[in-house]
């Protein structure tokens, strides 16, 4: 007999769970694992990115609309999900950048921002935690804060001296960062599209990626989950204010995506169990540790 495996994915906003690691979560749900998405903010400051949804009644009720979208995506993915209750910081734009709004998530003291996540970890008791790297995957203040909060909670949840009153201590065993847009993936897709005489919707983006100066995280773990790409896309489209179903994200046929890159990619940042790199399973080393 083995204890049921548990995976927690920590995200900044509704829709992040469907654009990063969604097919992985569906795979593990189908294998019998329990999966919890923790959404740290309500996405109240998000722009409406789908022209069909840019209507006054949507803009005036964006917080409620995004909660309903999250509920639909959660059902499609088959995961549990909870909000931590913080307010979206928005993505500041301009030169110089304007200050963040008072009381937003990114301006919270670290212990204040991490306490709900520590409570969630001690309640759900995940073996594996997914989050963003120190740059947030991209430099949104809420994504960067999500990284800080996730690392703080991972380190603190098992310490009985820290965060008293948030439940019995629990130490997760592995912490991963999403590697959502590896350049090699887009190069492989581009090559297949060229072979078949199809236009590459990511051509300009790929050129910009080649000019990136900062180092990319090593992919230590590739989870094969291509049979769940369609479910991933349905969950993403459920976030109708954020995703245009006619946009370029869905322009590459699924059969080409599956052939080019049938994985979702991760960087193993912390592990308290023995595992061999490269991995093909987020629970590598964990399965043996939890076996009873």
C-alpha atoms as a PDB file:
ATOM      1  CA  UNK A   1       0.000   0.000   0.000  1.00  0.00           C
ATOM      2  CA  UNK A   2       1.146   3.545  -0.737  1.00  0.00           C
ATOM      3  CA  UNK A   3      -0.074   6.913   0.495  1.00  0.00           C
ATOM      4  CA  UNK A   4      -1.979   8.883  -2.141  1.00  0.00           C
ATOM      5  CA  UNK A   5       0.393  11.270  -3.900  1.00  0.00           C
ATOM      6  CA  UNK A   6      -0.365  14.985  -3.598  1.00  0.00           C
ATOM      7  CA  UNK A   7       0.733  17.848  -5.849  1.00  0.00           C
ATOM      8  CA  UNK A   8       0.294  21.566  -5.130  1.00  0.00           C
ATOM      9  CA  UNK A   9       0.629  24.212  -7.856  1.00  0.00           C
ATOM     10  CA  UNK A  10       1.016  27.798  -6.601  1.00  0.00           C
ATOM     11  CA  UNK A  11      -0.056  30.543  -9.020  1.00  0.00           C
ATOM     12  CA  UNK A  12      -0.433  34.303  -9.005  1.00  0.00           C
ATOM     13  CA  UNK A  13      -3.706  34.757 -10.920  1.00  0.00           C
ATOM     14  CA  UNK A  14      -6.646  32.827 -12.356  1.00  0.00           C
ATOM     15  CA  UNK A  15      -5.586  31.492 -15.819  1.00  0.00           C
ATOM     16  CA  UNK A  16      -1.932  30.930 -14.784  1.00  0.00           C
ATOM     17  CA  UNK A  17      -2.769  27.349 -13.800  1.00  0.00           C
ATOM     18  CA  UNK A  18      -4.094  26.657 -17.303  1.00  0.00           C
ATOM     19  CA  UNK A  19      -1.157  28.193 -19.173  1.00  0.00           C
ATOM     20  CA  UNK A  20       1.587  26.621 -17.033  1.00  0.00           C
ATOM     21  CA  UNK A  21       1.639  22.934 -16.158  1.00  0.00           C
ATOM     22  CA  UNK A  22      -2.026  22.216 -16.860  1.00  0.00           C
ATOM     23  CA  UNK A  23      -1.506  19.033 -18.872  1.00  0.00           C
ATOM     24  CA  UNK A  24       0.866  17.761 -16.190  1.00  0.00           C
ATOM     25  CA  UNK A  25      -1.801  18.227 -13.538  1.00  0.00           C
ATOM     26  CA  UNK A  26      -4.409  16.427 -15.634  1.00  0.00           C
ATOM     27  CA  UNK A  27      -2.024  13.515 -16.161  1.00  0.00           C
ATOM     28  CA  UNK A  28      -1.473  13.095 -12.435  1.00  0.00           C
ATOM     29  CA  UNK A  29      -5.169  13.466 -11.634  1.00  0.00           C
ATOM     30  CA  UNK A  30      -5.838  10.670 -14.109  1.00  0.00           C
ATOM     31  CA  UNK A  31      -3.180   8.553 -12.411  1.00  0.00           C
ATOM     32  CA  UNK A  32      -4.929   8.957  -9.060  1.00  0.00           C
ATOM     33  CA  UNK A  33      -2.950  11.772  -7.469  1.00  0.00           C
ATOM     34  CA  UNK A  34      -4.661  14.602  -5.614  1.00  0.00           C
ATOM     35  CA  UNK A  35      -3.893  18.044  -7.059  1.00  0.00           C
ATOM     36  CA  UNK A  36      -4.520  21.439  -5.473  1.00  0.00           C
ATOM     37  CA  UNK A  37      -4.108  24.784  -7.241  1.00  0.00           C
ATOM     38  CA  UNK A  38      -3.541  27.704  -4.884  1.00  0.00           C
ATOM     39  CA  UNK A  39      -4.364  31.024  -6.574  1.00  0.00           C
ATOM     40  CA  UNK A  40      -2.834  33.831  -4.546  1.00  0.00           C
ATOM     41  CA  UNK A  41      -4.796  36.773  -6.018  1.00  0.00           C
ATOM     42  CA  UNK A  42      -8.163  37.228  -7.649  1.00  0.00           C
ATOM     43  CA  UNK A  43      -6.825  38.756 -10.857  1.00  0.00           C
ATOM     44  CA  UNK A  44      -8.839  41.926 -10.230  1.00  0.00           C
ATOM     45  CA  UNK A  45      -6.346  44.162 -12.068  1.00  0.00           C
ATOM     46  CA  UNK A  46      -5.983  41.987 -15.146  1.00  0.00           C
ATOM     47  CA  UNK A  47      -6.649  43.474 -18.551  1.00  0.00           C
ATOM     48  CA  UNK A  48      -9.339  42.012 -20.789  1.00  0.00           C
ATOM     49  CA  UNK A  49      -7.300  40.363 -23.543  1.00  0.00           C
ATOM     50  CA  UNK A  50     -10.154  38.836 -25.542  1.00  0.00           C
ATOM     51  CA  UNK A  51     -11.906  41.512 -27.662  1.00  0.00           C
ATOM     52  CA  UNK A  52     -15.189  39.580 -27.527  1.00  0.00           C
ATOM     53  CA  UNK A  53     -15.250  39.980 -23.730  1.00  0.00           C
ATOM     54  CA  UNK A  54     -14.310  43.660 -23.595  1.00  0.00           C
ATOM     55  CA  UNK A  55     -17.740  44.912 -22.573  1.00  0.00           C
ATOM     56  CA  UNK A  56     -18.816  47.353 -19.819  1.00  0.00           C
ATOM     57  CA  UNK A  57     -20.625  44.726 -17.736  1.00  0.00           C
ATOM     58  CA  UNK A  58     -17.501  42.530 -17.796  1.00  0.00           C
ATOM     59  CA  UNK A  59     -15.135  45.352 -16.879  1.00  0.00           C
ATOM     60  CA  UNK A  60     -17.372  46.433 -14.001  1.00  0.00           C
ATOM     61  CA  UNK A  61     -17.499  42.916 -12.517  1.00  0.00           C
ATOM     62  CA  UNK A  62     -14.070  41.602 -13.466  1.00  0.00           C
ATOM     63  CA  UNK A  63     -13.339  40.025 -10.068  1.00  0.00           C
ATOM     64  CA  UNK A  64     -16.560  37.989 -10.085  1.00  0.00           C
ATOM     65  CA  UNK A  65     -16.144  37.052 -13.742  1.00  0.00           C
ATOM     66  CA  UNK A  66     -12.624  35.769 -13.186  1.00  0.00           C
ATOM     67  CA  UNK A  67     -13.754  33.655 -10.228  1.00  0.00           C
ATOM     68  CA  UNK A  68     -16.399  32.050 -12.426  1.00  0.00           C
ATOM     69  CA  UNK A  69     -13.805  31.419 -15.135  1.00  0.00           C
ATOM     70  CA  UNK A  70     -11.537  29.807 -12.560  1.00  0.00           C
ATOM     71  CA  UNK A  71     -14.351  27.550 -11.381  1.00  0.00           C
ATOM     72  CA  UNK A  72     -14.957  26.357 -14.936  1.00  0.00           C
ATOM     73  CA  UNK A  73     -11.264  25.724 -15.590  1.00  0.00           C
ATOM     74  CA  UNK A  74     -10.940  23.862 -12.296  1.00  0.00           C
ATOM     75  CA  UNK A  75     -13.731  21.499 -13.308  1.00  0.00           C
ATOM     76  CA  UNK A  76     -12.161  20.880 -16.718  1.00  0.00           C
ATOM     77  CA  UNK A  77      -8.771  20.067 -15.166  1.00  0.00           C
ATOM     78  CA  UNK A  78     -10.252  17.943 -12.394  1.00  0.00           C
ATOM     79  CA  UNK A  79      -8.242  19.674  -9.672  1.00  0.00           C
ATOM     80  CA  UNK A  80      -9.048  21.229  -6.336  1.00  0.00           C
ATOM     81  CA  UNK A  81      -8.523  24.986  -6.152  1.00  0.00           C
ATOM     82  CA  UNK A  82      -8.533  27.720  -3.527  1.00  0.00           C
ATOM     83  CA  UNK A  83      -7.924  31.464  -3.416  1.00  0.00           C
ATOM     84  CA  UNK A  84      -5.574  32.944  -0.823  1.00  0.00           C
ATOM     85  CA  UNK A  85      -7.454  36.244  -0.851  1.00  0.00           C
ATOM     86  CA  UNK A  86      -4.818  38.779  -1.886  1.00  0.00           C
ATOM     87  CA  UNK A  87      -5.485  41.648  -4.302  1.00  0.00           C
ATOM     88  CA  UNK A  88      -3.907  41.640  -7.755  1.00  0.00           C
ATOM     89  CA  UNK A  89      -1.077  44.169  -8.039  1.00  0.00           C
ATOM     90  CA  UNK A  90      -1.494  44.816 -11.760  1.00  0.00           C
ATOM     91  CA  UNK A  91       1.350  45.113 -14.244  1.00  0.00           C
ATOM     92  CA  UNK A  92       2.805  48.619 -14.029  1.00  0.00           C
ATOM     93  CA  UNK A  93       3.657  50.255 -17.340  1.00  0.00           C
ATOM     94  CA  UNK A  94       5.421  53.477 -18.255  1.00  0.00           C
ATOM     95  CA  UNK A  95       8.769  55.183 -17.783  1.00  0.00           C
ATOM     96  CA  UNK A  96       9.218  55.705 -14.944  1.00  0.00           C
ATOM     97  CA  UNK A  97       6.999  52.885 -13.700  1.00  0.00           C
ATOM     98  CA  UNK A  98       4.093  54.054 -11.524  1.00  0.00           C
ATOM     99  CA  UNK A  99       3.922  52.845  -7.918  1.00  0.00           C
ATOM    100  CA  UNK A 100       1.983  49.695  -7.132  1.00  0.00           C
ATOM    101  CA  UNK A 101      -1.444  50.206  -5.549  1.00  0.00           C
ATOM    102  CA  UNK A 102      -1.542  50.305  -1.783  1.00  0.00           C
ATOM    103  CA  UNK A 103      -2.505  47.009  -0.160  1.00  0.00           C
ATOM    104  CA  UNK A 104      -1.788  44.864  -3.214  1.00  0.00           C
ATOM    105  CA  UNK A 105      -0.214  41.417  -3.003  1.00  0.00           C
ATOM    106  CA  UNK A 106       3.277  42.407  -4.150  1.00  0.00           C
ATOM    107  CA  UNK A 107       3.579  44.999  -1.364  1.00  0.00           C
ATOM    108  CA  UNK A 108       2.642  42.661   1.484  1.00  0.00           C
ATOM    109  CA  UNK A 109       5.300  41.806   4.079  1.00  0.00           C
ATOM    110  CA  UNK A 110       6.669  38.357   3.245  1.00  0.00           C
ATOM    111  CA  UNK A 111       5.323  36.654   6.364  1.00  0.00           C
ATOM    112  CA  UNK A 112       1.864  38.150   5.820  1.00  0.00           C
ATOM    113  CA  UNK A 113       1.839  36.988   2.213  1.00  0.00           C
ATOM    114  CA  UNK A 114       3.184  33.518   3.043  1.00  0.00           C
ATOM    115  CA  UNK A 115       0.961  32.682   6.022  1.00  0.00           C
ATOM    116  CA  UNK A 116      -2.093  31.532   4.007  1.00  0.00           C
ATOM    117  CA  UNK A 117       0.140  29.337   1.838  1.00  0.00           C
ATOM    118  CA  UNK A 118       1.790  27.789   4.907  1.00  0.00           C
ATOM    119  CA  UNK A 119      -1.700  27.037   6.208  1.00  0.00           C
ATOM    120  CA  UNK A 120      -2.637  25.480   2.863  1.00  0.00           C
ATOM    121  CA  UNK A 121       0.496  23.332   2.818  1.00  0.00           C
ATOM    122  CA  UNK A 122      -0.134  22.110   6.346  1.00  0.00           C
ATOM    123  CA  UNK A 123      -3.746  21.308   5.506  1.00  0.00           C
ATOM    124  CA  UNK A 124      -3.293  19.715   2.069  1.00  0.00           C
ATOM    125  CA  UNK A 125       0.120  18.154   2.885  1.00  0.00           C
ATOM    126  CA  UNK A 126       1.616  18.136  -0.622  1.00  0.00           C
ATOM    127  CA  UNK A 127       4.581  15.955  -1.477  1.00  0.00           C
ATOM    128  CA  UNK A 128       5.517  18.151  -4.467  1.00  0.00           C
ATOM    129  CA  UNK A 129       5.098  21.901  -4.990  1.00  0.00           C
ATOM    130  CA  UNK A 130       5.186  23.759  -8.337  1.00  0.00           C
ATOM    131  CA  UNK A 131       5.881  27.483  -8.564  1.00  0.00           C
ATOM    132  CA  UNK A 132       7.728  30.159 -10.573  1.00  0.00           C
ATOM    133  CA  UNK A 133      11.441  30.948 -10.652  1.00  0.00           C
ATOM    134  CA  UNK A 134      12.913  34.013  -8.965  1.00  0.00           C
ATOM    135  CA  UNK A 135      12.070  36.178 -11.973  1.00  0.00           C
ATOM    136  CA  UNK A 136       8.474  34.987 -11.910  1.00  0.00           C
ATOM    137  CA  UNK A 137       8.719  33.415 -15.352  1.00  0.00           C
ATOM    138  CA  UNK A 138       8.216  36.981 -16.529  1.00  0.00           C
ATOM    139  CA  UNK A 139       8.615  40.163 -14.471  1.00  0.00           C
ATOM    140  CA  UNK A 140       5.078  40.651 -13.177  1.00  0.00           C
ATOM    141  CA  UNK A 141       5.301  41.785  -9.535  1.00  0.00           C
ATOM    142  CA  UNK A 142       2.746  39.180  -8.442  1.00  0.00           C
ATOM    143  CA  UNK A 143       4.687  36.386 -10.145  1.00  0.00           C
ATOM    144  CA  UNK A 144       7.914  37.457  -8.465  1.00  0.00           C
ATOM    145  CA  UNK A 145       6.125  37.633  -5.118  1.00  0.00           C
ATOM    146  CA  UNK A 146       4.623  34.191  -5.762  1.00  0.00           C
ATOM    147  CA  UNK A 147       8.146  32.799  -6.038  1.00  0.00           C
ATOM    148  CA  UNK A 148       9.173  34.400  -2.752  1.00  0.00           C
ATOM    149  CA  UNK A 149       6.056  33.220  -0.949  1.00  0.00           C
ATOM    150  CA  UNK A 150       6.343  29.674  -2.307  1.00  0.00           C
ATOM    151  CA  UNK A 151       9.968  29.298  -1.206  1.00  0.00           C
ATOM    152  CA  UNK A 152       9.177  30.772   2.202  1.00  0.00           C
ATOM    153  CA  UNK A 153       6.239  28.414   2.716  1.00  0.00           C
ATOM    154  CA  UNK A 154       8.181  25.381   1.458  1.00  0.00           C
ATOM    155  CA  UNK A 155      10.938  26.077   3.988  1.00  0.00           C
ATOM    156  CA  UNK A 156       8.628  27.031   6.864  1.00  0.00           C
ATOM    157  CA  UNK A 157       5.723  24.581   6.652  1.00  0.00           C
ATOM    158  CA  UNK A 158       7.675  21.765   8.288  1.00  0.00           C
ATOM    159  CA  UNK A 159       9.075  23.887  11.136  1.00  0.00           C
ATOM    160  CA  UNK A 160       6.853  23.757  14.250  1.00  0.00           C
ATOM    161  CA  UNK A 161       8.399  27.009  15.519  1.00  0.00           C
ATOM    162  CA  UNK A 162       7.258  29.029  12.526  1.00  0.00           C
ATOM    163  CA  UNK A 163       3.785  30.327  11.686  1.00  0.00           C
ATOM    164  CA  UNK A 164       2.058  29.134  14.861  1.00  0.00           C
ATOM    165  CA  UNK A 165      -1.673  28.620  14.600  1.00  0.00           C
ATOM    166  CA  UNK A 166      -1.610  27.504  10.955  1.00  0.00           C
ATOM    167  CA  UNK A 167      -1.839  23.756  11.552  1.00  0.00           C
ATOM    168  CA  UNK A 168       0.389  20.783  12.207  1.00  0.00           C
ATOM    169  CA  UNK A 169       3.809  20.995  10.517  1.00  0.00           C
ATOM    170  CA  UNK A 170       4.230  19.355   7.129  1.00  0.00           C
ATOM    171  CA  UNK A 171       7.368  19.282   4.994  1.00  0.00           C
ATOM    172  CA  UNK A 172       6.920  18.967   1.216  1.00  0.00           C
ATOM    173  CA  UNK A 173       9.628  16.857  -0.394  1.00  0.00           C
ATOM    174  CA  UNK A 174      10.272  18.555  -3.746  1.00  0.00           C
ATOM    175  CA  UNK A 175       9.997  22.089  -5.147  1.00  0.00           C
ATOM    176  CA  UNK A 176       9.936  22.746  -8.891  1.00  0.00           C
ATOM    177  CA  UNK A 177       9.994  25.847 -11.079  1.00  0.00           C
ATOM    178  CA  UNK A 178       8.027  25.927 -14.319  1.00  0.00           C
ATOM    179  CA  UNK A 179      10.151  26.182 -17.467  1.00  0.00           C
ATOM    180  CA  UNK A 180       7.231  27.234 -19.604  1.00  0.00           C
ATOM    181  CA  UNK A 181       8.785  28.521 -22.819  1.00  0.00           C
ATOM    182  CA  UNK A 182      12.082  26.738 -23.568  1.00  0.00           C
ATOM    183  CA  UNK A 183      13.550  27.975 -26.822  1.00  0.00           C
ATOM    184  CA  UNK A 184      14.206  24.423 -28.012  1.00  0.00           C
ATOM    185  CA  UNK A 185      10.476  23.729 -27.940  1.00  0.00           C
ATOM    186  CA  UNK A 186       9.675  26.602 -30.270  1.00  0.00           C
ATOM    187  CA  UNK A 187      12.561  25.706 -32.568  1.00  0.00           C
ATOM    188  CA  UNK A 188      11.245  22.137 -32.839  1.00  0.00           C
ATOM    189  CA  UNK A 189       7.734  23.411 -33.595  1.00  0.00           C
ATOM    190  CA  UNK A 190       9.103  25.839 -36.185  1.00  0.00           C
ATOM    191  CA  UNK A 191      11.011  23.066 -37.955  1.00  0.00           C
ATOM    192  CA  UNK A 192       7.918  20.852 -38.212  1.00  0.00           C
ATOM    193  CA  UNK A 193       5.764  23.713 -39.459  1.00  0.00           C
ATOM    194  CA  UNK A 194       8.368  24.502 -42.120  1.00  0.00           C
ATOM    195  CA  UNK A 195       8.493  20.850 -43.212  1.00  0.00           C
ATOM    196  CA  UNK A 196       4.731  20.865 -43.726  1.00  0.00           C
ATOM    197  CA  UNK A 197       4.601  24.230 -45.457  1.00  0.00           C
ATOM    198  CA  UNK A 198       2.705  25.913 -42.635  1.00  0.00           C
ATOM    199  CA  UNK A 199       3.170  29.414 -41.257  1.00  0.00           C
ATOM    200  CA  UNK A 200       4.895  29.731 -37.877  1.00  0.00           C
ATOM    201  CA  UNK A 201       2.851  32.069 -35.629  1.00  0.00           C
ATOM    202  CA  UNK A 202       5.760  32.241 -33.180  1.00  0.00           C
ATOM    203  CA  UNK A 203       8.417  33.353 -35.694  1.00  0.00           C
ATOM    204  CA  UNK A 204       8.884  36.877 -34.339  1.00  0.00           C
ATOM    205  CA  UNK A 205       8.767  35.658 -30.750  1.00  0.00           C
ATOM    206  CA  UNK A 206      11.410  33.027 -31.485  1.00  0.00           C
ATOM    207  CA  UNK A 207      13.713  35.675 -32.929  1.00  0.00           C
ATOM    208  CA  UNK A 208      13.319  37.751 -29.772  1.00  0.00           C
ATOM    209  CA  UNK A 209      14.032  34.690 -27.631  1.00  0.00           C
ATOM    210  CA  UNK A 210      17.338  34.162 -29.449  1.00  0.00           C
ATOM    211  CA  UNK A 211      18.381  37.655 -28.364  1.00  0.00           C
ATOM    212  CA  UNK A 212      17.730  37.021 -24.670  1.00  0.00           C
ATOM    213  CA  UNK A 213      20.837  37.695 -22.603  1.00  0.00           C
ATOM    214  CA  UNK A 214      19.904  36.189 -19.250  1.00  0.00           C
ATOM    215  CA  UNK A 215      20.467  32.466 -18.604  1.00  0.00           C
ATOM    216  CA  UNK A 216      17.594  30.023 -18.880  1.00  0.00           C
ATOM    217  CA  UNK A 217      16.837  27.481 -16.184  1.00  0.00           C
ATOM    218  CA  UNK A 218      18.091  23.970 -16.843  1.00  0.00           C
ATOM    219  CA  UNK A 219      15.275  21.568 -17.662  1.00  0.00           C
ATOM    220  CA  UNK A 220      15.765  18.764 -15.153  1.00  0.00           C
ATOM    221  CA  UNK A 221      12.354  17.158 -15.558  1.00  0.00           C
ATOM    222  CA  UNK A 222      10.125  16.525 -18.566  1.00  0.00           C
ATOM    223  CA  UNK A 223       6.647  15.158 -17.920  1.00  0.00           C
ATOM    224  CA  UNK A 224       5.095  13.491 -20.963  1.00  0.00           C
ATOM    225  CA  UNK A 225       1.507  14.711 -21.070  1.00  0.00           C
ATOM    226  CA  UNK A 226       0.658  15.264 -24.739  1.00  0.00           C
ATOM    227  CA  UNK A 227      -2.539  13.215 -24.554  1.00  0.00           C
ATOM    228  CA  UNK A 228      -3.900  15.942 -22.259  1.00  0.00           C
ATOM    229  CA  UNK A 229      -3.028  18.990 -24.424  1.00  0.00           C
ATOM    230  CA  UNK A 230      -6.626  19.260 -25.602  1.00  0.00           C
ATOM    231  CA  UNK A 231      -7.869  19.380 -21.995  1.00  0.00           C
ATOM    232  CA  UNK A 232      -5.237  22.016 -21.234  1.00  0.00           C
ATOM    233  CA  UNK A 233      -6.509  24.163 -24.090  1.00  0.00           C
ATOM    234  CA  UNK A 234     -10.144  23.814 -22.998  1.00  0.00           C
ATOM    235  CA  UNK A 235      -9.207  24.976 -19.504  1.00  0.00           C
ATOM    236  CA  UNK A 236      -7.291  27.924 -20.914  1.00  0.00           C
ATOM    237  CA  UNK A 237     -10.196  28.952 -23.147  1.00  0.00           C
ATOM    238  CA  UNK A 238     -12.446  28.869 -20.062  1.00  0.00           C
ATOM    239  CA  UNK A 239     -10.595  32.019 -18.943  1.00  0.00           C
ATOM    240  CA  UNK A 240     -12.474  33.933 -21.608  1.00  0.00           C
ATOM    241  CA  UNK A 241     -11.452  37.425 -20.455  1.00  0.00           C
ATOM    242  CA  UNK A 242      -7.776  36.509 -20.738  1.00  0.00           C
ATOM    243  CA  UNK A 243      -7.590  34.254 -23.789  1.00  0.00           C
ATOM    244  CA  UNK A 244      -8.754  34.890 -27.349  1.00  0.00           C
ATOM    245  CA  UNK A 245      -9.746  31.457 -28.705  1.00  0.00           C
ATOM    246  CA  UNK A 246      -8.811  32.715 -32.166  1.00  0.00           C
ATOM    247  CA  UNK A 247      -5.408  33.936 -31.000  1.00  0.00           C
ATOM    248  CA  UNK A 248      -1.975  32.670 -31.931  1.00  0.00           C
ATOM    249  CA  UNK A 249      -1.711  30.417 -28.854  1.00  0.00           C
ATOM    250  CA  UNK A 250      -4.007  27.959 -30.623  1.00  0.00           C
ATOM    251  CA  UNK A 251      -2.647  28.404 -34.157  1.00  0.00           C
ATOM    252  CA  UNK A 252      -0.306  25.387 -34.107  1.00  0.00           C
ATOM    253  CA  UNK A 253      -2.179  22.102 -34.707  1.00  0.00           C
ATOM    254  CA  UNK A 254      -2.160  19.745 -31.736  1.00  0.00           C
ATOM    255  CA  UNK A 255      -0.631  16.918 -33.748  1.00  0.00           C
ATOM    256  CA  UNK A 256       2.407  19.093 -34.472  1.00  0.00           C
ATOM    257  CA  UNK A 257       2.648  20.154 -30.838  1.00  0.00           C
ATOM    258  CA  UNK A 258       2.527  16.521 -29.734  1.00  0.00           C
ATOM    259  CA  UNK A 259       5.161  15.424 -32.230  1.00  0.00           C
ATOM    260  CA  UNK A 260       7.483  18.361 -31.592  1.00  0.00           C
ATOM    261  CA  UNK A 261       7.366  18.570 -27.801  1.00  0.00           C
ATOM    262  CA  UNK A 262       5.108  16.114 -25.930  1.00  0.00           C
ATOM    263  CA  UNK A 263       6.298  17.302 -22.527  1.00  0.00           C
ATOM    264  CA  UNK A 264       5.888  20.050 -19.968  1.00  0.00           C
ATOM    265  CA  UNK A 265       9.182  21.148 -18.493  1.00  0.00           C
ATOM    266  CA  UNK A 266      10.443  21.856 -14.988  1.00  0.00           C
ATOM    267  CA  UNK A 267      13.539  22.740 -13.004  1.00  0.00           C
ATOM    268  CA  UNK A 268      14.033  20.840  -9.753  1.00  0.00           C
ATOM    269  CA  UNK A 269      14.937  23.582  -7.272  1.00  0.00           C
ATOM    270  CA  UNK A 270      14.804  21.638  -3.987  1.00  0.00           C
ATOM    271  CA  UNK A 271      14.615  17.949  -3.154  1.00  0.00           C
ATOM    272  CA  UNK A 272      14.609  16.146   0.170  1.00  0.00           C
ATOM    273  CA  UNK A 273      14.561  12.746  -1.542  1.00  0.00           C
ATOM    274  CA  UNK A 274      17.082  10.981  -3.743  1.00  0.00           C
ATOM    275  CA  UNK A 275      16.399  11.265  -7.460  1.00  0.00           C
ATOM    276  CA  UNK A 276      18.372  10.973 -10.686  1.00  0.00           C
ATOM    277  CA  UNK A 277      18.508  13.841 -13.187  1.00  0.00           C
ATOM    278  CA  UNK A 278      17.060  13.991 -15.803  1.00  0.00           C
ATOM    279  CA  UNK A 279      13.638  12.969 -14.516  1.00  0.00           C
ATOM    280  CA  UNK A 280      10.408  12.073 -16.281  1.00  0.00           C
ATOM    281  CA  UNK A 281       8.217  12.173 -13.166  1.00  0.00           C
ATOM    282  CA  UNK A 282       7.625  14.930 -10.606  1.00  0.00           C
ATOM    283  CA  UNK A 283       7.181  12.216  -7.994  1.00  0.00           C
ATOM    284  CA  UNK A 284      10.508  10.509  -8.742  1.00  0.00           C
ATOM    285  CA  UNK A 285      11.982   9.588  -5.368  1.00  0.00           C
ATOM    286  CA  UNK A 286       8.757  10.559  -3.635  1.00  0.00           C
ATOM    287  CA  UNK A 287       6.925   7.376  -4.534  1.00  0.00           C
ATOM    288  CA  UNK A 288       9.515   5.349  -2.643  1.00  0.00           C
ATOM    289  CA  UNK A 289       9.570   7.740   0.308  1.00  0.00           C
ATOM    290  CA  UNK A 290       5.798   7.622   0.909  1.00  0.00           C
ATOM    291  CA  UNK A 291       5.405   3.879   0.388  1.00  0.00           C
ATOM    292  CA  UNK A 292       4.132   2.204   3.577  1.00  0.00           C
END
